[in-house]
Amino acid sequence: MSDADRGYSQEMAPPPPPPPVNQVTDAQRLKGVGGWLLLFCISLTFLNPAMTLYNLYNVIPANSPFFARFPGLFALTYADAAVSLVIAGLSIYAGIALWRVRPRAVAAARTFLIAGAAYVVL
């Protein structure tokens, strides 16, 4: 049975809805990195590693006169330096991944924040 046989005609069919005008989707609106996220990316990529290197540059020479008197201090200072450099590397990785809007970038930033907090507590 056709629509004409059922009593429907082309005049009775509702018109199709008009196409959306200037409708901005979430994907268009949320494109790129800016604002606080950009500041966080700059901090992760440049500021945190720079402060880590500055601290290592100052801490190792400051502790070196005490290495002979406290043998464990030598191992502790260099272990601290190694962990600091690993966390700084993770910071750079997370910052670049967030900046480039890569998959798993948020997970990398979360891992950096948790590792940094655990390092500070220890």
N, C-alpha and C. Protein backbone atom coordinates (compact mmCIF):
# COMPACT_ATOMS: atom_id res chain seq x y z
N MET A 1 0.83 -1.17 0.00
CA MET A 1 0.00 0.00 0.00
C MET A 1 0.88 1.24 0.00
N SER A 2 0.55 2.17 -0.81
CA SER A 2 1.34 3.39 -0.88
C SER A 2 0.74 4.43 0.06
N ASP A 3 1.44 5.53 0.21
CA ASP A 3 0.97 6.61 1.09
C ASP A 3 -0.33 7.21 0.57
N ALA A 4 -0.50 7.26 -0.72
CA ALA A 4 -1.73 7.82 -1.29
C ALA A 4 -2.91 6.91 -0.96
N ASP A 5 -2.70 5.57 -0.98
CA ASP A 5 -3.76 4.63 -0.65
C ASP A 5 -4.14 4.72 0.82
N ARG A 6 -3.23 5.06 1.68
CA ARG A 6 -3.50 5.17 3.10
C ARG A 6 -4.17 6.50 3.45
N GLY A 7 -4.26 7.38 2.55
CA GLY A 7 -4.90 8.65 2.81
C GLY A 7 -3.91 9.77 3.09
N TYR A 8 -2.64 9.48 2.93
CA TYR A 8 -1.61 10.50 3.13
C TYR A 8 -1.28 11.11 1.77
N SER A 9 -0.96 12.35 1.77
CA SER A 9 -0.50 13.00 0.55
C SER A 9 0.78 13.77 0.87
N GLN A 10 1.39 14.21 -0.18
CA GLN A 10 2.64 14.95 -0.01
C GLN A 10 2.38 16.26 0.73
N GLU A 11 1.18 16.82 0.60
CA GLU A 11 0.87 18.10 1.26
C GLU A 11 0.77 17.92 2.77
N MET A 12 0.41 16.78 3.25
CA MET A 12 0.20 16.57 4.68
C MET A 12 1.49 16.21 5.41
N ALA A 13 2.51 15.82 4.69
CA ALA A 13 3.75 15.42 5.34
C ALA A 13 4.41 16.67 5.94
N PRO A 14 4.92 16.55 7.15
CA PRO A 14 5.55 17.73 7.75
C PRO A 14 6.84 18.07 7.02
N PRO A 15 7.14 19.35 6.96
CA PRO A 15 8.37 19.73 6.27
C PRO A 15 9.59 19.29 7.08
N PRO A 16 10.70 19.04 6.42
CA PRO A 16 11.90 18.63 7.17
C PRO A 16 12.39 19.80 8.03
N PRO A 17 13.04 19.47 9.16
CA PRO A 17 13.53 20.56 10.02
C PRO A 17 14.62 21.35 9.31
N PRO A 18 14.68 22.65 9.61
CA PRO A 18 15.72 23.47 8.96
C PRO A 18 17.10 23.08 9.49
N PRO A 19 18.12 23.24 8.67
CA PRO A 19 19.47 22.91 9.13
C PRO A 19 19.92 23.88 10.22
N PRO A 20 20.71 23.44 11.17
CA PRO A 20 21.16 24.34 12.24
C PRO A 20 22.02 25.47 11.66
N VAL A 21 21.79 26.65 12.19
CA VAL A 21 22.51 27.83 11.73
C VAL A 21 23.52 28.25 12.78
N ASN A 22 24.78 28.31 12.38
CA ASN A 22 25.86 28.76 13.26
C ASN A 22 25.90 28.01 14.59
N GLN A 23 25.64 26.74 14.56
CA GLN A 23 25.70 25.95 15.77
C GLN A 23 27.14 25.48 15.97
N VAL A 24 27.72 25.82 17.12
CA VAL A 24 29.10 25.47 17.42
C VAL A 24 29.10 24.20 18.25
N THR A 25 29.82 23.20 17.77
CA THR A 25 29.90 21.95 18.52
C THR A 25 31.00 22.04 19.56
N ASP A 26 30.98 21.10 20.49
CA ASP A 26 32.01 21.07 21.54
C ASP A 26 33.39 20.88 20.94
N ALA A 27 33.50 20.09 19.89
CA ALA A 27 34.80 19.84 19.27
C ALA A 27 35.37 21.12 18.66
N GLN A 28 34.51 21.97 18.11
CA GLN A 28 34.97 23.24 17.54
C GLN A 28 35.31 24.24 18.64
N ARG A 29 34.50 24.27 19.67
CA ARG A 29 34.69 25.25 20.74
C ARG A 29 35.90 24.92 21.61
N LEU A 30 36.14 23.64 21.86
CA LEU A 30 37.22 23.21 22.74
C LEU A 30 38.44 22.77 21.93
N LYS A 31 38.95 23.64 21.12
CA LYS A 31 40.09 23.29 20.28
C LYS A 31 41.31 24.08 20.72
N GLY A 32 42.44 23.39 20.90
CA GLY A 32 43.67 24.06 21.27
C GLY A 32 43.86 24.16 22.77
N VAL A 33 44.95 24.80 23.16
CA VAL A 33 45.31 24.94 24.56
C VAL A 33 45.43 26.43 24.85
N GLY A 34 44.75 26.86 25.89
CA GLY A 34 44.82 28.27 26.25
C GLY A 34 44.46 28.46 27.72
N GLY A 35 44.61 29.66 28.20
CA GLY A 35 44.23 29.99 29.57
C GLY A 35 45.09 29.29 30.59
N TRP A 36 44.43 28.78 31.63
CA TRP A 36 45.14 28.11 32.72
C TRP A 36 45.84 26.85 32.27
N LEU A 37 45.26 26.16 31.30
CA LEU A 37 45.91 24.95 30.80
C LEU A 37 47.22 25.28 30.12
N LEU A 38 47.27 26.38 29.39
CA LEU A 38 48.52 26.81 28.76
C LEU A 38 49.56 27.16 29.81
N LEU A 39 49.14 27.84 30.85
CA LEU A 39 50.07 28.17 31.94
C LEU A 39 50.60 26.89 32.60
N PHE A 40 49.72 25.91 32.79
CA PHE A 40 50.14 24.64 33.38
C PHE A 40 51.13 23.92 32.45
N CYS A 41 50.88 23.95 31.14
CA CYS A 41 51.79 23.31 30.18
C CYS A 41 53.16 23.98 30.19
N ILE A 42 53.18 25.31 30.25
CA ILE A 42 54.45 26.04 30.31
C ILE A 42 55.18 25.69 31.61
N SER A 43 54.44 25.60 32.70
CA SER A 43 55.04 25.25 33.98
C SER A 43 55.64 23.85 33.94
N LEU A 44 54.90 22.89 33.38
CA LEU A 44 55.39 21.52 33.30
C LEU A 44 56.59 21.40 32.37
N THR A 45 56.55 22.10 31.26
CA THR A 45 57.57 21.93 30.23
C THR A 45 58.86 22.69 30.53
N PHE A 46 58.73 23.90 31.10
CA PHE A 46 59.91 24.75 31.27
C PHE A 46 60.24 25.06 32.73
N LEU A 47 59.27 25.54 33.48
CA LEU A 47 59.56 26.05 34.82
C LEU A 47 59.97 24.96 35.80
N ASN A 48 59.22 23.87 35.85
CA ASN A 48 59.55 22.80 36.80
C ASN A 48 60.92 22.19 36.51
N PRO A 49 61.24 21.83 35.27
CA PRO A 49 62.59 21.29 35.01
C PRO A 49 63.70 22.31 35.29
N ALA A 50 63.45 23.57 34.99
CA ALA A 50 64.46 24.60 35.26
C ALA A 50 64.72 24.72 36.76
N MET A 51 63.67 24.69 37.56
CA MET A 51 63.85 24.76 39.02
C MET A 51 64.54 23.51 39.55
N THR A 52 64.27 22.37 38.95
CA THR A 52 64.95 21.14 39.36
C THR A 52 66.45 21.24 39.10
N LEU A 53 66.81 21.70 37.91
CA LEU A 53 68.24 21.86 37.59
C LEU A 53 68.90 22.91 38.49
N TYR A 54 68.20 23.99 38.77
CA TYR A 54 68.73 25.03 39.66
C TYR A 54 68.98 24.46 41.06
N ASN A 55 68.02 23.68 41.56
CA ASN A 55 68.18 23.07 42.89
C ASN A 55 69.35 22.09 42.92
N LEU A 56 69.48 21.27 41.88
CA LEU A 56 70.59 20.32 41.83
C LEU A 56 71.94 21.05 41.74
N TYR A 57 71.97 22.12 40.99
CA TYR A 57 73.19 22.91 40.84
C TYR A 57 73.64 23.49 42.19
N ASN A 58 72.67 23.80 43.05
CA ASN A 58 73.00 24.38 44.36
C ASN A 58 73.17 23.35 45.47
N VAL A 59 72.42 22.27 45.43
CA VAL A 59 72.42 21.30 46.54
C VAL A 59 73.67 20.44 46.53
N ILE A 60 74.09 19.95 45.38
CA ILE A 60 75.25 19.05 45.35
C ILE A 60 76.52 19.75 45.84
N PRO A 61 76.84 20.96 45.38
CA PRO A 61 78.04 21.62 45.93
C PRO A 61 77.89 21.99 47.41
N ALA A 62 76.68 22.29 47.84
CA ALA A 62 76.48 22.64 49.25
C ALA A 62 76.67 21.43 50.15
N ASN A 63 76.32 20.25 49.67
CA ASN A 63 76.46 19.03 50.48
C ASN A 63 77.84 18.39 50.38
N SER A 64 78.59 18.69 49.34
CA SER A 64 79.85 18.00 49.12
C SER A 64 80.87 18.14 50.25
N PRO A 65 80.94 19.25 51.01
CA PRO A 65 81.90 19.27 52.11
C PRO A 65 81.59 18.26 53.21
N PHE A 66 80.36 17.77 53.27
CA PHE A 66 79.95 16.85 54.33
C PHE A 66 80.01 15.39 53.91
N PHE A 67 80.37 15.10 52.66
CA PHE A 67 80.40 13.73 52.18
C PHE A 67 81.41 12.88 52.94
N ALA A 68 82.56 13.44 53.30
CA ALA A 68 83.59 12.66 54.00
C ALA A 68 83.13 12.31 55.41
N ARG A 69 82.44 13.23 56.05
CA ARG A 69 82.00 13.01 57.43
C ARG A 69 80.77 12.10 57.50
N PHE A 70 79.88 12.23 56.52
CA PHE A 70 78.65 11.42 56.48
C PHE A 70 78.60 10.66 55.16
N PRO A 71 79.11 9.44 55.13
CA PRO A 71 79.19 8.69 53.87
C PRO A 71 77.82 8.43 53.23
N GLY A 72 76.80 8.29 54.03
CA GLY A 72 75.46 8.05 53.48
C GLY A 72 74.89 9.27 52.78
N LEU A 73 75.40 10.44 53.11
CA LEU A 73 74.90 11.67 52.50
C LEU A 73 75.23 11.71 51.01
N PHE A 74 76.37 11.17 50.64
CA PHE A 74 76.75 11.12 49.22
C PHE A 74 75.73 10.32 48.43
N ALA A 75 75.42 9.11 48.91
CA ALA A 75 74.45 8.25 48.22
C ALA A 75 73.06 8.89 48.21
N LEU A 76 72.68 9.47 49.34
CA LEU A 76 71.36 10.11 49.43
C LEU A 76 71.25 11.31 48.49
N THR A 77 72.29 12.10 48.40
CA THR A 77 72.27 13.28 47.53
C THR A 77 72.15 12.88 46.07
N TYR A 78 72.90 11.89 45.66
CA TYR A 78 72.84 11.47 44.27
C TYR A 78 71.58 10.66 43.95
N ALA A 79 71.05 9.95 44.91
CA ALA A 79 69.76 9.28 44.70
C ALA A 79 68.65 10.33 44.57
N ASP A 80 68.72 11.36 45.40
CA ASP A 80 67.76 12.46 45.31
C ASP A 80 67.87 13.15 43.95
N ALA A 81 69.08 13.34 43.46
CA ALA A 81 69.29 13.98 42.16
C ALA A 81 68.71 13.12 41.04
N ALA A 82 68.91 11.82 41.12
CA ALA A 82 68.39 10.92 40.09
C ALA A 82 66.87 10.92 40.06
N VAL A 83 66.25 10.84 41.23
CA VAL A 83 64.78 10.86 41.30
C VAL A 83 64.25 12.20 40.81
N SER A 84 64.92 13.28 41.18
CA SER A 84 64.50 14.62 40.74
C SER A 84 64.55 14.73 39.22
N LEU A 85 65.60 14.18 38.61
CA LEU A 85 65.72 14.24 37.15
C LEU A 85 64.66 13.39 36.45
N VAL A 86 64.33 12.25 37.05
CA VAL A 86 63.27 11.40 36.47
C VAL A 86 61.93 12.14 36.54
N ILE A 87 61.64 12.76 37.67
CA ILE A 87 60.38 13.50 37.81
C ILE A 87 60.37 14.71 36.88
N ALA A 88 61.51 15.36 36.69
CA ALA A 88 61.58 16.48 35.75
C ALA A 88 61.34 16.00 34.31
N GLY A 89 61.87 14.84 33.98
CA GLY A 89 61.61 14.26 32.66
C GLY A 89 60.14 13.94 32.46
N LEU A 90 59.51 13.40 33.48
CA LEU A 90 58.08 13.13 33.41
C LEU A 90 57.29 14.43 33.27
N SER A 91 57.75 15.47 33.93
CA SER A 91 57.12 16.77 33.82
C SER A 91 57.19 17.29 32.39
N ILE A 92 58.35 17.17 31.77
CA ILE A 92 58.50 17.62 30.38
C ILE A 92 57.61 16.81 29.45
N TYR A 93 57.59 15.50 29.65
CA TYR A 93 56.74 14.63 28.82
C TYR A 93 55.26 15.00 28.96
N ALA A 94 54.80 15.17 30.20
CA ALA A 94 53.40 15.50 30.42
C ALA A 94 53.06 16.88 29.86
N GLY A 95 53.96 17.83 30.01
CA GLY A 95 53.70 19.17 29.49
C GLY A 95 53.58 19.19 27.98
N ILE A 96 54.50 18.50 27.30
CA ILE A 96 54.44 18.47 25.83
C ILE A 96 53.21 17.69 25.36
N ALA A 97 52.89 16.60 26.03
CA ALA A 97 51.71 15.81 25.64
C ALA A 97 50.43 16.63 25.82
N LEU A 98 50.32 17.37 26.91
CA LEU A 98 49.13 18.22 27.11
C LEU A 98 49.09 19.33 26.07
N TRP A 99 50.22 19.93 25.82
CA TRP A 99 50.29 21.04 24.88
C TRP A 99 49.87 20.61 23.48
N ARG A 100 50.26 19.41 23.10
CA ARG A 100 49.92 18.89 21.76
C ARG A 100 48.59 18.15 21.74
N VAL A 101 47.90 18.10 22.86
CA VAL A 101 46.59 17.44 23.00
C VAL A 101 46.70 15.99 22.52
N ARG A 102 47.62 15.26 23.10
CA ARG A 102 47.86 13.86 22.76
C ARG A 102 47.00 12.94 23.62
N PRO A 103 46.74 11.73 23.11
CA PRO A 103 46.04 10.75 23.94
C PRO A 103 46.87 10.41 25.18
N ARG A 104 46.23 10.16 26.26
CA ARG A 104 46.84 9.80 27.55
C ARG A 104 47.66 10.93 28.16
N ALA A 105 47.50 12.15 27.66
CA ALA A 105 48.24 13.29 28.21
C ALA A 105 47.77 13.61 29.63
N VAL A 106 46.48 13.51 29.86
CA VAL A 106 45.96 13.79 31.20
C VAL A 106 46.46 12.75 32.19
N ALA A 107 46.53 11.51 31.75
CA ALA A 107 47.06 10.45 32.62
C ALA A 107 48.54 10.70 32.95
N ALA A 108 49.31 11.18 31.98
CA ALA A 108 50.72 11.49 32.23
C ALA A 108 50.84 12.65 33.21
N ALA A 109 49.99 13.67 33.06
CA ALA A 109 50.03 14.80 33.99
C ALA A 109 49.62 14.35 35.39
N ARG A 110 48.63 13.48 35.48
CA ARG A 110 48.20 12.96 36.79
C ARG A 110 49.32 12.14 37.43
N THR A 111 50.00 11.33 36.63
CA THR A 111 51.13 10.54 37.14
C THR A 111 52.23 11.45 37.66
N PHE A 112 52.53 12.52 36.92
CA PHE A 112 53.54 13.47 37.37
C PHE A 112 53.13 14.12 38.69
N LEU A 113 51.89 14.55 38.80
CA LEU A 113 51.43 15.21 40.02
C LEU A 113 51.49 14.26 41.22
N ILE A 114 51.09 13.02 41.03
CA ILE A 114 51.12 12.05 42.13
C ILE A 114 52.57 11.71 42.50
N ALA A 115 53.42 11.50 41.47
CA ALA A 115 54.83 11.20 41.77
C ALA A 115 55.52 12.36 42.44
N GLY A 116 55.23 13.58 41.99
CA GLY A 116 55.82 14.77 42.61
C GLY A 116 55.38 14.94 44.04
N ALA A 117 54.10 14.69 44.32
CA ALA A 117 53.60 14.80 45.70
C ALA A 117 54.21 13.72 46.58
N ALA A 118 54.31 12.50 46.06
CA ALA A 118 54.92 11.42 46.86
C ALA A 118 56.39 11.70 47.12
N TYR A 119 57.08 12.27 46.14
CA TYR A 119 58.49 12.63 46.31
C TYR A 119 58.66 13.70 47.40
N VAL A 120 57.79 14.68 47.39
CA VAL A 120 57.87 15.74 48.40
C VAL A 120 57.60 15.17 49.80
N VAL A 121 56.63 14.26 49.90
CA VAL A 121 56.31 13.68 51.21
C VAL A 121 57.46 12.83 51.70
N LEU A 122 58.08 12.06 50.84
CA LEU A 122 59.21 11.22 51.24
C LEU A 122 60.41 12.06 51.55
